[in-house]
Amino acid sequence: MIFEKFPELKTLDNEGRLILARELCDQAIAEVASHESLSGEAITIIEERVAAFLRDPNSGISWEELKKQRPDEG
């Protein structure tokens, strides 16, 4: 998990974590958007999912949990 690799992140309060999440998402979206193989529709879906997560960060699950649910796809 990220917190184990970067223990200083544990010192962030909720607002700091949300700011970090937003910055990371913005950077990821910009990187993804630079790939010509993604359609505008795919980028819109990604942006909507990021916005939903930022509205309710507890609504999601970790990558590790997703892999446990779908071990044949991970």
PDB file of N, CA and C in Angstrom:
ATOM      1  N   MET A   1       0.838  -1.180   0.000  1.00  0.00           N
ATOM      2  CA  MET A   1       0.000   0.000   0.000  1.00  0.00           C
ATOM      3  C   MET A   1       0.882   1.243   0.000  1.00  0.00           C
ATOM      4  N   ILE A   2       0.338   2.318  -0.464  1.00  0.00           N
ATOM      5  CA  ILE A   2       1.087   3.556  -0.609  1.00  0.00           C
ATOM      6  C   ILE A   2       1.568   4.090   0.738  1.00  0.00           C
ATOM      7  N   PHE A   3       0.708   4.024   1.777  1.00  0.00           N
ATOM      8  CA  PHE A   3       1.091   4.550   3.084  1.00  0.00           C
ATOM      9  C   PHE A   3       2.315   3.830   3.649  1.00  0.00           C
ATOM     10  N   GLU A   4       2.460   2.561   3.322  1.00  0.00           N
ATOM     11  CA  GLU A   4       3.629   1.830   3.811  1.00  0.00           C
ATOM     12  C   GLU A   4       4.897   2.281   3.098  1.00  0.00           C
ATOM     13  N   LYS A   5       4.765   2.638   1.824  1.00  0.00           N
ATOM     14  CA  LYS A   5       5.924   3.109   1.064  1.00  0.00           C
ATOM     15  C   LYS A   5       6.278   4.552   1.398  1.00  0.00           C
ATOM     16  N   PHE A   6       5.260   5.337   1.746  1.00  0.00           N
ATOM     17  CA  PHE A   6       5.453   6.758   2.044  1.00  0.00           C
ATOM     18  C   PHE A   6       4.786   7.081   3.386  1.00  0.00           C
ATOM     19  N   PRO A   7       5.394   6.679   4.493  1.00  0.00           N
ATOM     20  CA  PRO A   7       4.760   6.835   5.807  1.00  0.00           C
ATOM     21  C   PRO A   7       4.432   8.282   6.168  1.00  0.00           C
ATOM     22  N   GLU A   8       5.109   9.242   5.575  1.00  0.00           N
ATOM     23  CA  GLU A   8       4.825  10.641   5.892  1.00  0.00           C
ATOM     24  C   GLU A   8       3.414  11.047   5.446  1.00  0.00           C
ATOM     25  N   LEU A   9       2.815  10.289   4.526  1.00  0.00           N
ATOM     26  CA  LEU A   9       1.453  10.588   4.094  1.00  0.00           C
ATOM     27  C   LEU A   9       0.443  10.392   5.220  1.00  0.00           C
ATOM     28  N   LYS A  10       0.783   9.545   6.185  1.00  0.00           N
ATOM     29  CA  LYS A  10      -0.120   9.306   7.310  1.00  0.00           C
ATOM     30  C   LYS A  10      -0.318  10.564   8.150  1.00  0.00           C
ATOM     31  N   THR A  11       0.582  11.516   8.025  1.00  0.00           N
ATOM     32  CA  THR A  11       0.471  12.744   8.821  1.00  0.00           C
ATOM     33  C   THR A  11      -0.508  13.745   8.206  1.00  0.00           C
ATOM     34  N   LEU A  12      -0.945  13.503   6.981  1.00  0.00           N
ATOM     35  CA  LEU A  12      -1.887  14.412   6.334  1.00  0.00           C
ATOM     36  C   LEU A  12      -3.261  14.301   6.985  1.00  0.00           C
ATOM     37  N   ASP A  13      -3.916  15.441   7.158  1.00  0.00           N
ATOM     38  CA  ASP A  13      -5.298  15.406   7.625  1.00  0.00           C
ATOM     39  C   ASP A  13      -6.200  15.096   6.428  1.00  0.00           C
ATOM     40  N   ASN A  14      -7.492  14.980   6.655  1.00  0.00           N
ATOM     41  CA  ASN A  14      -8.413  14.618   5.576  1.00  0.00           C
ATOM     42  C   ASN A  14      -8.364  15.603   4.420  1.00  0.00           C
ATOM     43  N   GLU A  15      -8.282  16.887   4.738  1.00  0.00           N
ATOM     44  CA  GLU A  15      -8.226  17.888   3.673  1.00  0.00           C
ATOM     45  C   GLU A  15      -6.964  17.707   2.833  1.00  0.00           C
ATOM     46  N   GLY A  16      -5.845  17.467   3.494  1.00  0.00           N
ATOM     47  CA  GLY A  16      -4.598  17.244   2.773  1.00  0.00           C
ATOM     48  C   GLY A  16      -4.660  16.004   1.902  1.00  0.00           C
ATOM     49  N   ARG A  17      -5.290  14.948   2.397  1.00  0.00           N
ATOM     50  CA  ARG A  17      -5.432  13.716   1.606  1.00  0.00           C
ATOM     51  C   ARG A  17      -6.312  13.955   0.383  1.00  0.00           C
ATOM     52  N   LEU A  18      -7.383  14.730   0.559  1.00  0.00           N
ATOM     53  CA  LEU A  18      -8.242  15.023  -0.588  1.00  0.00           C
ATOM     54  C   LEU A  18      -7.521  15.882  -1.621  1.00  0.00           C
ATOM     55  N   ILE A  19      -6.732  16.830  -1.147  1.00  0.00           N
ATOM     56  CA  ILE A  19      -5.949  17.652  -2.076  1.00  0.00           C
ATOM     57  C   ILE A  19      -4.952  16.783  -2.824  1.00  0.00           C
ATOM     58  N   LEU A  20      -4.266  15.902  -2.107  1.00  0.00           N
ATOM     59  CA  LEU A  20      -3.315  14.991  -2.738  1.00  0.00           C
ATOM     60  C   LEU A  20      -4.021  14.093  -3.752  1.00  0.00           C
ATOM     61  N   ALA A  21      -5.182  13.555  -3.372  1.00  0.00           N
ATOM     62  CA  ALA A  21      -5.939  12.684  -4.274  1.00  0.00           C
ATOM     63  C   ALA A  21      -6.311  13.439  -5.547  1.00  0.00           C
ATOM     64  N   ARG A  22      -6.762  14.678  -5.377  1.00  0.00           N
ATOM     65  CA  ARG A  22      -7.155  15.484  -6.540  1.00  0.00           C
ATOM     66  C   ARG A  22      -5.949  15.745  -7.455  1.00  0.00           C
ATOM     67  N   GLU A  23      -4.819  16.089  -6.857  1.00  0.00           N
ATOM     68  CA  GLU A  23      -3.626  16.356  -7.659  1.00  0.00           C
ATOM     69  C   GLU A  23      -3.172  15.098  -8.402  1.00  0.00           C
ATOM     70  N   LEU A  24      -3.204  13.965  -7.718  1.00  0.00           N
ATOM     71  CA  LEU A  24      -2.819  12.720  -8.362  1.00  0.00           C
ATOM     72  C   LEU A  24      -3.780  12.356  -9.494  1.00  0.00           C
ATOM     73  N   CYS A  25      -5.073  12.543  -9.242  1.00  0.00           N
ATOM     74  CA  CYS A  25      -6.068  12.249 -10.278  1.00  0.00           C
ATOM     75  C   CYS A  25      -5.915  13.179 -11.471  1.00  0.00           C
ATOM     76  N   ASP A  26      -5.718  14.460 -11.200  1.00  0.00           N
ATOM     77  CA  ASP A  26      -5.529  15.419 -12.292  1.00  0.00           C
ATOM     78  C   ASP A  26      -4.328  15.041 -13.143  1.00  0.00           C
ATOM     79  N   GLN A  27      -3.235  14.653 -12.485  1.00  0.00           N
ATOM     80  CA  GLN A  27      -2.039  14.270 -13.220  1.00  0.00           C
ATOM     81  C   GLN A  27      -2.283  13.002 -14.033  1.00  0.00           C
ATOM     82  N   ALA A  28      -2.964  12.036 -13.432  1.00  0.00           N
ATOM     83  CA  ALA A  28      -3.253  10.782 -14.135  1.00  0.00           C
ATOM     84  C   ALA A  28      -4.168  11.031 -15.329  1.00  0.00           C
ATOM     85  N   ILE A  29      -5.187  11.875 -15.140  1.00  0.00           N
ATOM     86  CA  ILE A  29      -6.107  12.182 -16.232  1.00  0.00           C
ATOM     87  C   ILE A  29      -5.364  12.874 -17.365  1.00  0.00           C
ATOM     88  N   ALA A  30      -4.495  13.813 -17.031  1.00  0.00           N
ATOM     89  CA  ALA A  30      -3.730  14.518 -18.063  1.00  0.00           C
ATOM     90  C   ALA A  30      -2.851  13.542 -18.832  1.00  0.00           C
ATOM     91  N   GLU A  31      -2.258  12.602 -18.118  1.00  0.00           N
ATOM     92  CA  GLU A  31      -1.400  11.612 -18.768  1.00  0.00           C
ATOM     93  C   GLU A  31      -2.221  10.690 -19.664  1.00  0.00           C
ATOM     94  N   VAL A  32      -3.357  10.248 -19.139  1.00  0.00           N
ATOM     95  CA  VAL A  32      -4.232   9.368 -19.915  1.00  0.00           C
ATOM     96  C   VAL A  32      -4.767  10.102 -21.135  1.00  0.00           C
ATOM     97  N   ALA A  33      -5.141  11.348 -20.944  1.00  0.00           N
ATOM     98  CA  ALA A  33      -5.705  12.129 -22.042  1.00  0.00           C
ATOM     99  C   ALA A  33      -4.701  12.356 -23.161  1.00  0.00           C
ATOM    100  N   SER A  34      -3.425  12.292 -22.837  1.00  0.00           N
ATOM    101  CA  SER A  34      -2.412  12.515 -23.860  1.00  0.00           C
ATOM    102  C   SER A  34      -2.254  11.313 -24.789  1.00  0.00           C
ATOM    103  N   HIS A  35      -2.828  10.185 -24.428  1.00  0.00           N
ATOM    104  CA  HIS A  35      -2.769   9.007 -25.289  1.00  0.00           C
ATOM    105  C   HIS A  35      -3.895   9.088 -26.313  1.00  0.00           C
ATOM    106  N   GLU A  36      -3.542   9.068 -27.566  1.00  0.00           N
ATOM    107  CA  GLU A  36      -4.525   9.228 -28.622  1.00  0.00           C
ATOM    108  C   GLU A  36      -5.513   8.077 -28.690  1.00  0.00           C
ATOM    109  N   SER A  37      -5.184   6.926 -28.095  1.00  0.00           N
ATOM    110  CA  SER A  37      -6.063   5.766 -28.196  1.00  0.00           C
ATOM    111  C   SER A  37      -7.323   5.889 -27.343  1.00  0.00           C
ATOM    112  N   LEU A  38      -7.356   6.843 -26.413  1.00  0.00           N
ATOM    113  CA  LEU A  38      -8.541   7.020 -25.583  1.00  0.00           C
ATOM    114  C   LEU A  38      -9.509   7.998 -26.242  1.00  0.00           C
ATOM    115  N   SER A  39     -10.762   7.617 -26.245  1.00  0.00           N
ATOM    116  CA  SER A  39     -11.780   8.488 -26.824  1.00  0.00           C
ATOM    117  C   SER A  39     -12.164   9.575 -25.827  1.00  0.00           C
ATOM    118  N   GLY A  40     -12.802  10.586 -26.313  1.00  0.00           N
ATOM    119  CA  GLY A  40     -13.316  11.634 -25.449  1.00  0.00           C
ATOM    120  C   GLY A  40     -14.308  11.071 -24.449  1.00  0.00           C
ATOM    121  N   GLU A  41     -15.085  10.072 -24.886  1.00  0.00           N
ATOM    122  CA  GLU A  41     -16.056   9.434 -23.994  1.00  0.00           C
ATOM    123  C   GLU A  41     -15.354   8.732 -22.841  1.00  0.00           C
ATOM    124  N   ALA A  42     -14.247   8.033 -23.119  1.00  0.00           N
ATOM    125  CA  ALA A  42     -13.502   7.343 -22.065  1.00  0.00           C
ATOM    126  C   ALA A  42     -12.936   8.338 -21.069  1.00  0.00           C
ATOM    127  N   ILE A  43     -12.430   9.434 -21.564  1.00  0.00           N
ATOM    128  CA  ILE A  43     -11.880  10.469 -20.679  1.00  0.00           C
ATOM    129  C   ILE A  43     -12.979  11.057 -19.806  1.00  0.00           C
ATOM    130  N   THR A  44     -14.161  11.280 -20.384  1.00  0.00           N
ATOM    131  CA  THR A  44     -15.296  11.801 -19.620  1.00  0.00           C
ATOM    132  C   THR A  44     -15.686  10.840 -18.502  1.00  0.00           C
ATOM    133  N   ILE A  45     -15.718   9.551 -18.796  1.00  0.00           N
ATOM    134  CA  ILE A  45     -16.061   8.543 -17.784  1.00  0.00           C
ATOM    135  C   ILE A  45     -15.037   8.566 -16.656  1.00  0.00           C
ATOM    136  N   ILE A  46     -13.770   8.635 -17.005  1.00  0.00           N
ATOM    137  CA  ILE A  46     -12.706   8.680 -15.993  1.00  0.00           C
ATOM    138  C   ILE A  46     -12.884   9.916 -15.114  1.00  0.00           C
ATOM    139  N   GLU A  47     -13.127  11.062 -15.724  1.00  0.00           N
ATOM    140  CA  GLU A  47     -13.301  12.296 -14.959  1.00  0.00           C
ATOM    141  C   GLU A  47     -14.516  12.218 -14.043  1.00  0.00           C
ATOM    142  N   GLU A  48     -15.616  11.605 -14.520  1.00  0.00           N
ATOM    143  CA  GLU A  48     -16.814  11.454 -13.683  1.00  0.00           C
ATOM    144  C   GLU A  48     -16.528  10.558 -12.483  1.00  0.00           C
ATOM    145  N   ARG A  49     -15.779   9.487 -12.700  1.00  0.00           N
ATOM    146  CA  ARG A  49     -15.471   8.570 -11.600  1.00  0.00           C
ATOM    147  C   ARG A  49     -14.547   9.221 -10.581  1.00  0.00           C
ATOM    148  N   VAL A  50     -13.610  10.018 -11.040  1.00  0.00           N
ATOM    149  CA  VAL A  50     -12.726  10.735 -10.120  1.00  0.00           C
ATOM    150  C   VAL A  50     -13.545  11.727  -9.301  1.00  0.00           C
ATOM    151  N   ALA A  51     -14.434  12.452  -9.955  1.00  0.00           N
ATOM    152  CA  ALA A  51     -15.272  13.427  -9.246  1.00  0.00           C
ATOM    153  C   ALA A  51     -16.142  12.729  -8.205  1.00  0.00           C
ATOM    154  N   ALA A  52     -16.694  11.567  -8.548  1.00  0.00           N
ATOM    155  CA  ALA A  52     -17.524  10.816  -7.592  1.00  0.00           C
ATOM    156  C   ALA A  52     -16.686  10.379  -6.395  1.00  0.00           C
ATOM    157  N   PHE A  53     -15.467   9.929  -6.665  1.00  0.00           N
ATOM    158  CA  PHE A  53     -14.592   9.526  -5.567  1.00  0.00           C
ATOM    159  C   PHE A  53     -14.261  10.709  -4.662  1.00  0.00           C
ATOM    160  N   LEU A  54     -13.983  11.847  -5.254  1.00  0.00           N
ATOM    161  CA  LEU A  54     -13.625  13.015  -4.458  1.00  0.00           C
ATOM    162  C   LEU A  54     -14.799  13.511  -3.617  1.00  0.00           C
ATOM    163  N   ARG A  55     -16.023  13.308  -4.123  1.00  0.00           N
ATOM    164  CA  ARG A  55     -17.200  13.674  -3.327  1.00  0.00           C
ATOM    165  C   ARG A  55     -17.365  12.738  -2.130  1.00  0.00           C
ATOM    166  N   ASP A  56     -17.010  11.456  -2.319  1.00  0.00           N
ATOM    167  CA  ASP A  56     -17.172  10.465  -1.247  1.00  0.00           C
ATOM    168  C   ASP A  56     -16.017   9.466  -1.305  1.00  0.00           C
ATOM    169  N   PRO A  57     -14.857   9.827  -0.758  1.00  0.00           N
ATOM    170  CA  PRO A  57     -13.680   8.955  -0.837  1.00  0.00           C
ATOM    171  C   PRO A  57     -13.877   7.579  -0.204  1.00  0.00           C
ATOM    172  N   ASN A  58     -14.813   7.461   0.718  1.00  0.00           N
ATOM    173  CA  ASN A  58     -15.051   6.162   1.353  1.00  0.00           C
ATOM    174  C   ASN A  58     -15.904   5.237   0.505  1.00  0.00           C
ATOM    175  N   SER A  59     -16.378   5.710  -0.635  1.00  0.00           N
ATOM    176  CA  SER A  59     -17.247   4.898  -1.474  1.00  0.00           C
ATOM    177  C   SER A  59     -16.470   3.864  -2.292  1.00  0.00           C
ATOM    178  N   GLY A  60     -15.182   4.062  -2.416  1.00  0.00           N
ATOM    179  CA  GLY A  60     -14.387   3.150  -3.227  1.00  0.00           C
ATOM    180  C   GLY A  60     -13.723   2.058  -2.414  1.00  0.00           C
ATOM    181  N   ILE A  61     -13.024   1.184  -3.122  1.00  0.00           N
ATOM    182  CA  ILE A  61     -12.241   0.140  -2.473  1.00  0.00           C
ATOM    183  C   ILE A  61     -10.815   0.222  -3.000  1.00  0.00           C
ATOM    184  N   SER A  62      -9.908  -0.371  -2.271  1.00  0.00           N
ATOM    185  CA  SER A  62      -8.511  -0.343  -2.684  1.00  0.00           C
ATOM    186  C   SER A  62      -8.282  -1.294  -3.861  1.00  0.00           C
ATOM    187  N   TRP A  63      -7.198  -1.087  -4.551  1.00  0.00           N
ATOM    188  CA  TRP A  63      -6.815  -1.962  -5.652  1.00  0.00           C
ATOM    189  C   TRP A  63      -6.654  -3.397  -5.144  1.00  0.00           C
ATOM    190  N   GLU A  64      -6.100  -3.542  -3.953  1.00  0.00           N
ATOM    191  CA  GLU A  64      -5.908  -4.868  -3.372  1.00  0.00           C
ATOM    192  C   GLU A  64      -7.243  -5.563  -3.155  1.00  0.00           C
ATOM    193  N   GLU A  65      -8.244  -4.818  -2.664  1.00  0.00           N
ATOM    194  CA  GLU A  65      -9.569  -5.402  -2.457  1.00  0.00           C
ATOM    195  C   GLU A  65     -10.205  -5.812  -3.780  1.00  0.00           C
ATOM    196  N   LEU A  66     -10.038  -4.981  -4.804  1.00  0.00           N
ATOM    197  CA  LEU A  66     -10.578  -5.312  -6.113  1.00  0.00           C
ATOM    198  C   LEU A  66      -9.939  -6.579  -6.647  1.00  0.00           C
ATOM    199  N   LYS A  67      -8.629  -6.708  -6.482  1.00  0.00           N
ATOM    200  CA  LYS A  67      -7.943  -7.920  -6.952  1.00  0.00           C
ATOM    201  C   LYS A  67      -8.431  -9.146  -6.212  1.00  0.00           C
ATOM    202  N   LYS A  68      -8.760  -9.007  -4.923  1.00  0.00           N
ATOM    203  CA  LYS A  68      -9.280 -10.141  -4.148  1.00  0.00           C
ATOM    204  C   LYS A  68     -10.651 -10.564  -4.694  1.00  0.00           C
ATOM    205  N   GLN A  69     -11.444  -9.581  -5.108  1.00  0.00           N
ATOM    206  CA  GLN A  69     -12.788  -9.879  -5.639  1.00  0.00           C
ATOM    207  C   GLN A  69     -12.716 -10.516  -7.015  1.00  0.00           C
ATOM    208  N   ARG A  70     -11.677 -10.180  -7.777  1.00  0.00           N
ATOM    209  CA  ARG A  70     -11.553 -10.670  -9.150  1.00  0.00           C
ATOM    210  C   ARG A  70     -10.152 -11.219  -9.392  1.00  0.00           C
ATOM    211  N   PRO A  71      -9.794 -12.294  -8.713  1.00  0.00           N
ATOM    212  CA  PRO A  71      -8.418 -12.800  -8.813  1.00  0.00           C
ATOM    213  C   PRO A  71      -8.036 -13.262 -10.218  1.00  0.00           C
ATOM    214  N   ASP A  72      -9.004 -13.688 -11.011  1.00  0.00           N
ATOM    215  CA  ASP A  72      -8.698 -14.153 -12.361  1.00  0.00           C
ATOM    216  C   ASP A  72      -8.407 -13.016 -13.333  1.00  0.00           C
ATOM    217  N   GLU A  73      -8.715 -11.779 -12.935  1.00  0.00           N
ATOM    218  CA  GLU A  73      -8.490 -10.626 -13.796  1.00  0.00           C
ATOM    219  C   GLU A  73      -7.326  -9.758 -13.347  1.00  0.00           C
ATOM    220  N   GLY A  74      -6.698 -10.123 -12.212  1.00  0.00           N
ATOM    221  CA  GLY A  74      -5.688  -9.251 -11.646  1.00  0.00           C
ATOM    222  C   GLY A  74      -4.320  -9.629 -12.022  1.00  0.00           C
TER     223      GLY A  74
END
